[in-house]
């Protein structure tokens, strides 16, 4: 399973890799405001597209709480990313 997950991570484009790496480094769910502040992408609307892509691929979870949306990744994906940092290079 780990090999398949690494293959999926290798297929991500640079923007997707930036976002998922940031989420992997943060154990708590992150708001879109925090993501916009912390990650520089080519254009502002690109973040929404990246988040949608990661969610479609089941690499990220979207959590709604008190009319706010947060993003995180499941622990197994976080572990693989943190153990195999090279998979996002």
PDB file of N, CA and C in Angstrom:
ATOM      1  N   UNK A   1       0.823  -1.199   0.000  1.00  0.00           N
ATOM      2  CA  UNK A   1       0.000   0.000   0.000  1.00  0.00           C
ATOM      3  C   UNK A   1       0.865   1.259   0.000  1.00  0.00           C
ATOM      4  N   UNK A   2       1.947   1.207   0.750  1.00  0.00           N
ATOM      5  CA  UNK A   2       2.839   2.360   0.831  1.00  0.00           C
ATOM      6  C   UNK A   2       3.395   2.718  -0.542  1.00  0.00           C
ATOM      7  N   UNK A   3       3.748   1.699  -1.316  1.00  0.00           N
ATOM      8  CA  UNK A   3       4.296   1.916  -2.651  1.00  0.00           C
ATOM      9  C   UNK A   3       3.274   2.597  -3.557  1.00  0.00           C
ATOM     10  N   UNK A   4       2.039   2.154  -3.493  1.00  0.00           N
ATOM     11  CA  UNK A   4       0.972   2.757  -4.303  1.00  0.00           C
ATOM     12  C   UNK A   4       0.751   4.211  -3.900  1.00  0.00           C
ATOM     13  N   UNK A   5       0.771   4.467  -2.615  1.00  0.00           N
ATOM     14  CA  UNK A   5       0.594   5.840  -2.138  1.00  0.00           C
ATOM     15  C   UNK A   5       1.742   6.737  -2.593  1.00  0.00           C
ATOM     16  N   UNK A   6       2.957   6.240  -2.536  1.00  0.00           N
ATOM     17  CA  UNK A   6       4.112   7.015  -2.998  1.00  0.00           C
ATOM     18  C   UNK A   6       3.993   7.299  -4.499  1.00  0.00           C
ATOM     19  N   UNK A   7       3.535   6.316  -5.257  1.00  0.00           N
ATOM     20  CA  UNK A   7       3.320   6.533  -6.693  1.00  0.00           C
ATOM     21  C   UNK A   7       2.293   7.642  -6.926  1.00  0.00           C
ATOM     22  N   UNK A   8       1.210   7.643  -6.154  1.00  0.00           N
ATOM     23  CA  UNK A   8       0.193   8.694  -6.269  1.00  0.00           C
ATOM     24  C   UNK A   8       0.783  10.068  -5.932  1.00  0.00           C
ATOM     25  N   UNK A   9       1.587  10.125  -4.889  1.00  0.00           N
ATOM     26  CA  UNK A   9       2.202  11.391  -4.495  1.00  0.00           C
ATOM     27  C   UNK A   9       3.168  11.888  -5.562  1.00  0.00           C
ATOM     28  N   UNK A  10       3.873  10.975  -6.215  1.00  0.00           N
ATOM     29  CA  UNK A  10       4.802  11.354  -7.282  1.00  0.00           C
ATOM     30  C   UNK A  10       4.085  11.941  -8.494  1.00  0.00           C
ATOM     31  N   UNK A  11       2.818  11.626  -8.665  1.00  0.00           N
ATOM     32  CA  UNK A  11       2.043  12.131  -9.801  1.00  0.00           C
ATOM     33  C   UNK A  11       1.496  13.537  -9.579  1.00  0.00           C
ATOM     34  N   UNK A  12       1.602  14.043  -8.364  1.00  0.00           N
ATOM     35  CA  UNK A  12       1.075  15.374  -8.077  1.00  0.00           C
ATOM     36  C   UNK A  12       1.899  16.449  -8.776  1.00  0.00           C
ATOM     37  N   UNK A  13       1.236  17.550  -9.144  1.00  0.00           N
ATOM     38  CA  UNK A  13       2.002  18.666  -9.707  1.00  0.00           C
ATOM     39  C   UNK A  13       2.628  19.459  -8.560  1.00  0.00           C
ATOM     40  N   UNK A  14       3.453  20.424  -8.894  1.00  0.00           N
ATOM     41  CA  UNK A  14       4.210  21.164  -7.867  1.00  0.00           C
ATOM     42  C   UNK A  14       3.312  21.868  -6.853  1.00  0.00           C
ATOM     43  N   UNK A  15       2.219  22.444  -7.312  1.00  0.00           N
ATOM     44  CA  UNK A  15       1.300  23.142  -6.402  1.00  0.00           C
ATOM     45  C   UNK A  15       0.653  22.162  -5.431  1.00  0.00           C
ATOM     46  N   UNK A  16       0.244  21.016  -5.934  1.00  0.00           N
ATOM     47  CA  UNK A  16      -0.360  19.999  -5.074  1.00  0.00           C
ATOM     48  C   UNK A  16       0.651  19.488  -4.050  1.00  0.00           C
ATOM     49  N   UNK A  17       1.891  19.327  -4.470  1.00  0.00           N
ATOM     50  CA  UNK A  17       2.940  18.880  -3.556  1.00  0.00           C
ATOM     51  C   UNK A  17       3.185  19.903  -2.452  1.00  0.00           C
ATOM     52  N   UNK A  18       3.162  21.194  -2.796  1.00  0.00           N
ATOM     53  CA  UNK A  18       3.348  22.244  -1.786  1.00  0.00           C
ATOM     54  C   UNK A  18       2.263  22.164  -0.722  1.00  0.00           C
ATOM     55  N   UNK A  19       1.023  22.025  -1.173  1.00  0.00           N
ATOM     56  CA  UNK A  19      -0.103  22.025  -0.241  1.00  0.00           C
ATOM     57  C   UNK A  19      -0.087  20.771   0.631  1.00  0.00           C
ATOM     58  N   UNK A  20       0.097  19.611   0.025  1.00  0.00           N
ATOM     59  CA  UNK A  20       0.047  18.377   0.820  1.00  0.00           C
ATOM     60  C   UNK A  20       1.238  18.285   1.776  1.00  0.00           C
ATOM     61  N   UNK A  21       2.386  18.800   1.384  1.00  0.00           N
ATOM     62  CA  UNK A  21       3.548  18.814   2.283  1.00  0.00           C
ATOM     63  C   UNK A  21       3.270  19.727   3.477  1.00  0.00           C
ATOM     64  N   UNK A  22       2.647  20.877   3.224  1.00  0.00           N
ATOM     65  CA  UNK A  22       2.298  21.782   4.320  1.00  0.00           C
ATOM     66  C   UNK A  22       1.313  21.107   5.270  1.00  0.00           C
ATOM     67  N   UNK A  23       0.299  20.447   4.725  1.00  0.00           N
ATOM     68  CA  UNK A  23      -0.680  19.757   5.565  1.00  0.00           C
ATOM     69  C   UNK A  23      -0.024  18.629   6.362  1.00  0.00           C
ATOM     70  N   UNK A  24       0.953  17.953   5.764  1.00  0.00           N
ATOM     71  CA  UNK A  24       1.646  16.853   6.451  1.00  0.00           C
ATOM     72  C   UNK A  24       2.461  17.357   7.634  1.00  0.00           C
ATOM     73  N   UNK A  25       2.992  18.566   7.527  1.00  0.00           N
ATOM     74  CA  UNK A  25       3.803  19.133   8.617  1.00  0.00           C
ATOM     75  C   UNK A  25       2.951  19.649   9.765  1.00  0.00           C
ATOM     76  N   UNK A  26       1.660  19.821   9.538  1.00  0.00           N
ATOM     77  CA  UNK A  26       0.761  20.383  10.548  1.00  0.00           C
ATOM     78  C   UNK A  26      -0.241  19.336  11.006  1.00  0.00           C
ATOM     79  N   UNK A  27      -0.144  18.900  12.241  1.00  0.00           N
ATOM     80  CA  UNK A  27      -1.031  17.842  12.722  1.00  0.00           C
ATOM     81  C   UNK A  27      -2.488  18.282  12.888  1.00  0.00           C
ATOM     82  N   UNK A  28      -2.709  19.574  13.019  1.00  0.00           N
ATOM     83  CA  UNK A  28      -4.071  20.081  13.203  1.00  0.00           C
ATOM     84  C   UNK A  28      -4.666  20.527  11.872  1.00  0.00           C
ATOM     85  N   UNK A  29      -5.986  20.425  11.739  1.00  0.00           N
ATOM     86  CA  UNK A  29      -6.638  20.914  10.511  1.00  0.00           C
ATOM     87  C   UNK A  29      -6.317  22.398  10.275  1.00  0.00           C
ATOM     88  N   UNK A  30      -6.190  22.762   8.995  1.00  0.00           N
ATOM     89  CA  UNK A  30      -5.761  24.096   8.589  1.00  0.00           C
ATOM     90  C   UNK A  30      -6.895  24.776   7.817  1.00  0.00           C
ATOM     91  N   UNK A  31      -7.129  26.045   8.111  1.00  0.00           N
ATOM     92  CA  UNK A  31      -8.152  26.797   7.379  1.00  0.00           C
ATOM     93  C   UNK A  31      -7.597  27.271   6.035  1.00  0.00           C
ATOM     94  N   UNK A  32      -8.499  27.610   5.138  1.00  0.00           N
ATOM     95  CA  UNK A  32      -8.054  28.116   3.834  1.00  0.00           C
ATOM     96  C   UNK A  32      -7.303  29.439   4.002  1.00  0.00           C
ATOM     97  N   UNK A  33      -7.696  30.219   4.992  1.00  0.00           N
ATOM     98  CA  UNK A  33      -6.996  31.479   5.266  1.00  0.00           C
ATOM     99  C   UNK A  33      -5.542  31.206   5.659  1.00  0.00           C
ATOM    100  N   UNK A  34      -5.332  30.205   6.498  1.00  0.00           N
ATOM    101  CA  UNK A  34      -3.968  29.833   6.892  1.00  0.00           C
ATOM    102  C   UNK A  34      -3.168  29.337   5.686  1.00  0.00           C
ATOM    103  N   UNK A  35      -3.815  28.550   4.837  1.00  0.00           N
ATOM    104  CA  UNK A  35      -3.131  28.047   3.642  1.00  0.00           C
ATOM    105  C   UNK A  35      -2.730  29.196   2.727  1.00  0.00           C
ATOM    106  N   UNK A  36      -3.653  30.125   2.495  1.00  0.00           N
ATOM    107  CA  UNK A  36      -3.338  31.273   1.620  1.00  0.00           C
ATOM    108  C   UNK A  36      -2.181  32.097   2.170  1.00  0.00           C
ATOM    109  N   UNK A  37      -2.140  32.220   3.480  1.00  0.00           N
ATOM    110  CA  UNK A  37      -1.089  33.008   4.124  1.00  0.00           C
ATOM    111  C   UNK A  37       0.273  32.292   4.078  1.00  0.00           C
ATOM    112  N   UNK A  38       0.240  30.960   4.123  1.00  0.00           N
ATOM    113  CA  UNK A  38       1.473  30.189   4.276  1.00  0.00           C
ATOM    114  C   UNK A  38       2.060  29.637   2.987  1.00  0.00           C
ATOM    115  N   UNK A  39       1.234  29.496   1.949  1.00  0.00           N
ATOM    116  CA  UNK A  39       1.690  28.866   0.712  1.00  0.00           C
ATOM    117  C   UNK A  39       1.558  29.851  -0.441  1.00  0.00           C
ATOM    118  N   UNK A  40       2.639  30.023  -1.170  1.00  0.00           N
ATOM    119  CA  UNK A  40       2.623  30.894  -2.335  1.00  0.00           C
ATOM    120  C   UNK A  40       2.413  30.055  -3.584  1.00  0.00           C
ATOM    121  N   UNK A  41       1.336  30.345  -4.301  1.00  0.00           N
ATOM    122  CA  UNK A  41       1.051  29.672  -5.565  1.00  0.00           C
ATOM    123  C   UNK A  41       1.052  30.717  -6.667  1.00  0.00           C
ATOM    124  N   UNK A  42       1.022  30.262  -7.906  1.00  0.00           N
ATOM    125  CA  UNK A  42       1.101  31.180  -9.039  1.00  0.00           C
ATOM    126  C   UNK A  42      -0.033  32.199  -9.067  1.00  0.00           C
ATOM    127  N   UNK A  43      -1.233  31.767  -8.721  1.00  0.00           N
ATOM    128  CA  UNK A  43      -2.359  32.689  -8.668  1.00  0.00           C
ATOM    129  C   UNK A  43      -3.323  32.242  -7.577  1.00  0.00           C
ATOM    130  N   UNK A  44      -4.077  33.167  -7.036  1.00  0.00           N
ATOM    131  CA  UNK A  44      -4.901  32.943  -5.854  1.00  0.00           C
ATOM    132  C   UNK A  44      -5.939  31.838  -6.045  1.00  0.00           C
ATOM    133  N   UNK A  45      -6.602  31.792  -7.173  1.00  0.00           N
ATOM    134  CA  UNK A  45      -7.650  30.793  -7.383  1.00  0.00           C
ATOM    135  C   UNK A  45      -7.069  29.390  -7.537  1.00  0.00           C
ATOM    136  N   UNK A  46      -5.770  29.289  -7.736  1.00  0.00           N
ATOM    137  CA  UNK A  46      -5.139  27.978  -7.886  1.00  0.00           C
ATOM    138  C   UNK A  46      -5.286  27.150  -6.614  1.00  0.00           C
ATOM    139  N   UNK A  47      -5.305  27.773  -5.460  1.00  0.00           N
ATOM    140  CA  UNK A  47      -5.424  27.039  -4.209  1.00  0.00           C
ATOM    141  C   UNK A  47      -6.718  26.236  -4.167  1.00  0.00           C
ATOM    142  N   UNK A  48      -7.810  26.822  -4.597  1.00  0.00           N
ATOM    143  CA  UNK A  48      -9.093  26.116  -4.617  1.00  0.00           C
ATOM    144  C   UNK A  48      -8.995  24.895  -5.530  1.00  0.00           C
ATOM    145  N   UNK A  49      -8.423  25.060  -6.700  1.00  0.00           N
ATOM    146  CA  UNK A  49      -8.269  23.941  -7.640  1.00  0.00           C
ATOM    147  C   UNK A  49      -7.400  22.838  -7.053  1.00  0.00           C
ATOM    148  N   UNK A  50      -6.333  23.210  -6.390  1.00  0.00           N
ATOM    149  CA  UNK A  50      -5.437  22.233  -5.775  1.00  0.00           C
ATOM    150  C   UNK A  50      -6.171  21.464  -4.681  1.00  0.00           C
ATOM    151  N   UNK A  51      -6.901  22.171  -3.837  1.00  0.00           N
ATOM    152  CA  UNK A  51      -7.637  21.515  -2.763  1.00  0.00           C
ATOM    153  C   UNK A  51      -8.686  20.550  -3.321  1.00  0.00           C
ATOM    154  N   UNK A  52      -9.375  20.963  -4.368  1.00  0.00           N
ATOM    155  CA  UNK A  52     -10.365  20.094  -4.995  1.00  0.00           C
ATOM    156  C   UNK A  52      -9.700  18.839  -5.575  1.00  0.00           C
ATOM    157  N   UNK A  53      -8.568  19.022  -6.211  1.00  0.00           N
ATOM    158  CA  UNK A  53      -7.850  17.890  -6.795  1.00  0.00           C
ATOM    159  C   UNK A  53      -7.404  16.902  -5.721  1.00  0.00           C
ATOM    160  N   UNK A  54      -6.832  17.403  -4.642  1.00  0.00           N
ATOM    161  CA  UNK A  54      -6.376  16.531  -3.562  1.00  0.00           C
ATOM    162  C   UNK A  54      -7.544  15.795  -2.913  1.00  0.00           C
ATOM    163  N   UNK A  55      -8.674  16.477  -2.787  1.00  0.00           N
ATOM    164  CA  UNK A  55      -9.851  15.837  -2.211  1.00  0.00           C
ATOM    165  C   UNK A  55     -10.399  14.753  -3.151  1.00  0.00           C
ATOM    166  N   UNK A  56     -10.434  15.027  -4.447  1.00  0.00           N
ATOM    167  CA  UNK A  56     -10.884  14.030  -5.433  1.00  0.00           C
ATOM    168  C   UNK A  56     -10.020  12.774  -5.398  1.00  0.00           C
ATOM    169  N   UNK A  57      -8.737  12.960  -5.179  1.00  0.00           N
ATOM    170  CA  UNK A  57      -7.800  11.832  -5.131  1.00  0.00           C
ATOM    171  C   UNK A  57      -7.798  11.133  -3.767  1.00  0.00           C
ATOM    172  N   UNK A  58      -8.623  11.627  -2.856  1.00  0.00           N
ATOM    173  CA  UNK A  58      -8.726  11.084  -1.490  1.00  0.00           C
ATOM    174  C   UNK A  58      -7.411  11.201  -0.726  1.00  0.00           C
ATOM    175  N   UNK A  59      -6.634  12.238  -1.031  1.00  0.00           N
ATOM    176  CA  UNK A  59      -5.377  12.487  -0.329  1.00  0.00           C
ATOM    177  C   UNK A  59      -5.541  13.524   0.778  1.00  0.00           C
ATOM    178  N   UNK A  60      -6.717  14.135   0.839  1.00  0.00           N
ATOM    179  CA  UNK A  60      -6.965  15.200   1.795  1.00  0.00           C
ATOM    180  C   UNK A  60      -8.405  15.096   2.266  1.00  0.00           C
ATOM    181  N   UNK A  61      -8.649  15.546   3.473  1.00  0.00           N
ATOM    182  CA  UNK A  61     -10.007  15.584   4.008  1.00  0.00           C
ATOM    183  C   UNK A  61     -10.422  17.020   4.255  1.00  0.00           C
ATOM    184  N   UNK A  62     -11.690  17.287   4.002  1.00  0.00           N
ATOM    185  CA  UNK A  62     -12.262  18.604   4.267  1.00  0.00           C
ATOM    186  C   UNK A  62     -13.190  18.441   5.469  1.00  0.00           C
ATOM    187  N   UNK A  63     -13.014  19.298   6.465  1.00  0.00           N
ATOM    188  CA  UNK A  63     -13.803  19.234   7.687  1.00  0.00           C
ATOM    189  C   UNK A  63     -14.558  20.549   7.849  1.00  0.00           C
ATOM    190  N   UNK A  64     -15.860  20.458   8.033  1.00  0.00           N
ATOM    191  CA  UNK A  64     -16.670  21.653   8.290  1.00  0.00           C
ATOM    192  C   UNK A  64     -17.000  21.694   9.771  1.00  0.00           C
ATOM    193  N   UNK A  65     -16.755  22.865  10.367  1.00  0.00           N
ATOM    194  CA  UNK A  65     -17.014  23.036  11.796  1.00  0.00           C
ATOM    195  C   UNK A  65     -17.372  24.497  12.056  1.00  0.00           C
ATOM    196  N   UNK A  66     -18.531  24.720  12.639  1.00  0.00           N
ATOM    197  CA  UNK A  66     -18.986  26.076  12.983  1.00  0.00           C
ATOM    198  C   UNK A  66     -18.911  27.024  11.785  1.00  0.00           C
ATOM    199  N   UNK A  67     -19.461  26.590  10.667  1.00  0.00           N
ATOM    200  CA  UNK A  67     -19.487  27.396   9.435  1.00  0.00           C
ATOM    201  C   UNK A  67     -18.110  27.738   8.893  1.00  0.00           C
ATOM    202  N   UNK A  68     -17.108  26.985   9.290  1.00  0.00           N
ATOM    203  CA  UNK A  68     -15.756  27.167   8.760  1.00  0.00           C
ATOM    204  C   UNK A  68     -15.292  25.849   8.168  1.00  0.00           C
ATOM    205  N   UNK A  69     -14.420  25.921   7.194  1.00  0.00           N
ATOM    206  CA  UNK A  69     -13.892  24.726   6.547  1.00  0.00           C
ATOM    207  C   UNK A  69     -12.402  24.614   6.845  1.00  0.00           C
ATOM    208  N   UNK A  70     -12.003  23.407   7.191  1.00  0.00           N
ATOM    209  CA  UNK A  70     -10.610  23.114   7.492  1.00  0.00           C
ATOM    210  C   UNK A  70     -10.159  21.943   6.625  1.00  0.00           C
ATOM    211  N   UNK A  71      -8.856  21.839   6.440  1.00  0.00           N
ATOM    212  CA  UNK A  71      -8.284  20.794   5.603  1.00  0.00           C
ATOM    213  C   UNK A  71      -7.205  20.055   6.375  1.00  0.00           C
ATOM    214  N   UNK A  72      -7.149  18.761   6.152  1.00  0.00           N
ATOM    215  CA  UNK A  72      -6.139  17.932   6.806  1.00  0.00           C
ATOM    216  C   UNK A  72      -5.902  16.687   5.948  1.00  0.00           C
ATOM    217  N   UNK A  73      -4.921  15.918   6.330  1.00  0.00           N
ATOM    218  CA  UNK A  73      -4.709  14.638   5.650  1.00  0.00           C
ATOM    219  C   UNK A  73      -4.786  13.535   6.697  1.00  0.00           C
ATOM    220  N   UNK A  74      -5.153  12.340   6.241  1.00  0.00           N
ATOM    221  CA  UNK A  74      -5.299  11.240   7.186  1.00  0.00           C
ATOM    222  C   UNK A  74      -3.922  10.797   7.672  1.00  0.00           C
ATOM    223  N   UNK A  75      -3.883  10.243   8.878  1.00  0.00           N
ATOM    224  CA  UNK A  75      -2.585   9.901   9.486  1.00  0.00           C
ATOM    225  C   UNK A  75      -1.689   9.012   8.638  1.00  0.00           C
ATOM    226  N   UNK A  76      -2.236   8.029   7.940  1.00  0.00           N
ATOM    227  CA  UNK A  76      -1.373   7.141   7.148  1.00  0.00           C
ATOM    228  C   UNK A  76      -0.665   7.908   6.028  1.00  0.00           C
ATOM    229  N   UNK A  77      -1.354   8.856   5.411  1.00  0.00           N
ATOM    230  CA  UNK A  77      -0.729   9.666   4.365  1.00  0.00           C
ATOM    231  C   UNK A  77       0.324  10.583   4.974  1.00  0.00           C
ATOM    232  N   UNK A  78       0.005  11.175   6.112  1.00  0.00           N
ATOM    233  CA  UNK A  78       0.971  12.035   6.815  1.00  0.00           C
ATOM    234  C   UNK A  78       2.237  11.246   7.138  1.00  0.00           C
ATOM    235  N   UNK A  79       2.074  10.032   7.631  1.00  0.00           N
ATOM    236  CA  UNK A  79       3.221   9.197   7.987  1.00  0.00           C
ATOM    237  C   UNK A  79       4.089   8.893   6.771  1.00  0.00           C
ATOM    238  N   UNK A  80       3.467   8.506   5.673  1.00  0.00           N
ATOM    239  CA  UNK A  80       4.223   8.192   4.456  1.00  0.00           C
ATOM    240  C   UNK A  80       4.987   9.419   3.966  1.00  0.00           C
ATOM    241  N   UNK A  81       4.336  10.569   3.946  1.00  0.00           N
ATOM    242  CA  UNK A  81       4.997  11.797   3.486  1.00  0.00           C
ATOM    243  C   UNK A  81       6.169  12.148   4.398  1.00  0.00           C
ATOM    244  N   UNK A  82       5.945  12.073   5.700  1.00  0.00           N
ATOM    245  CA  UNK A  82       7.008  12.439   6.640  1.00  0.00           C
ATOM    246  C   UNK A  82       8.154  11.438   6.648  1.00  0.00           C
ATOM    247  N   UNK A  83       7.878  10.158   6.384  1.00  0.00           N
ATOM    248  CA  UNK A  83       8.931   9.142   6.330  1.00  0.00           C
ATOM    249  C   UNK A  83       9.686   9.154   5.001  1.00  0.00           C
ATOM    250  N   UNK A  84       9.016   9.588   3.934  1.00  0.00           N
ATOM    251  CA  UNK A  84       9.592   9.556   2.595  1.00  0.00           C
ATOM    252  C   UNK A  84       9.534  10.945   1.976  1.00  0.00           C
ATOM    253  N   UNK A  85      10.206  11.899   2.593  1.00  0.00           N
ATOM    254  CA  UNK A  85      10.176  13.272   2.118  1.00  0.00           C
ATOM    255  C   UNK A  85      10.524  13.385   0.643  1.00  0.00           C
ATOM    256  N   UNK A  86      11.363  12.503   0.152  1.00  0.00           N
ATOM    257  CA  UNK A  86      11.778  12.517  -1.240  1.00  0.00           C
ATOM    258  C   UNK A  86      10.648  12.288  -2.213  1.00  0.00           C
ATOM    259  N   UNK A  87       9.536  11.718  -1.761  1.00  0.00           N
ATOM    260  CA  UNK A  87       8.431  11.435  -2.668  1.00  0.00           C
ATOM    261  C   UNK A  87       7.752  12.718  -3.125  1.00  0.00           C
ATOM    262  N   UNK A  88       8.033  13.825  -2.490  1.00  0.00           N
ATOM    263  CA  UNK A  88       7.442  15.106  -2.900  1.00  0.00           C
ATOM    264  C   UNK A  88       8.444  16.022  -3.593  1.00  0.00           C
ATOM    265  N   UNK A  89       9.602  15.504  -3.908  1.00  0.00           N
ATOM    266  CA  UNK A  89      10.611  16.319  -4.586  1.00  0.00           C
ATOM    267  C   UNK A  89      10.497  16.194  -6.084  1.00  0.00           C
TER     268      UNK A  89
END
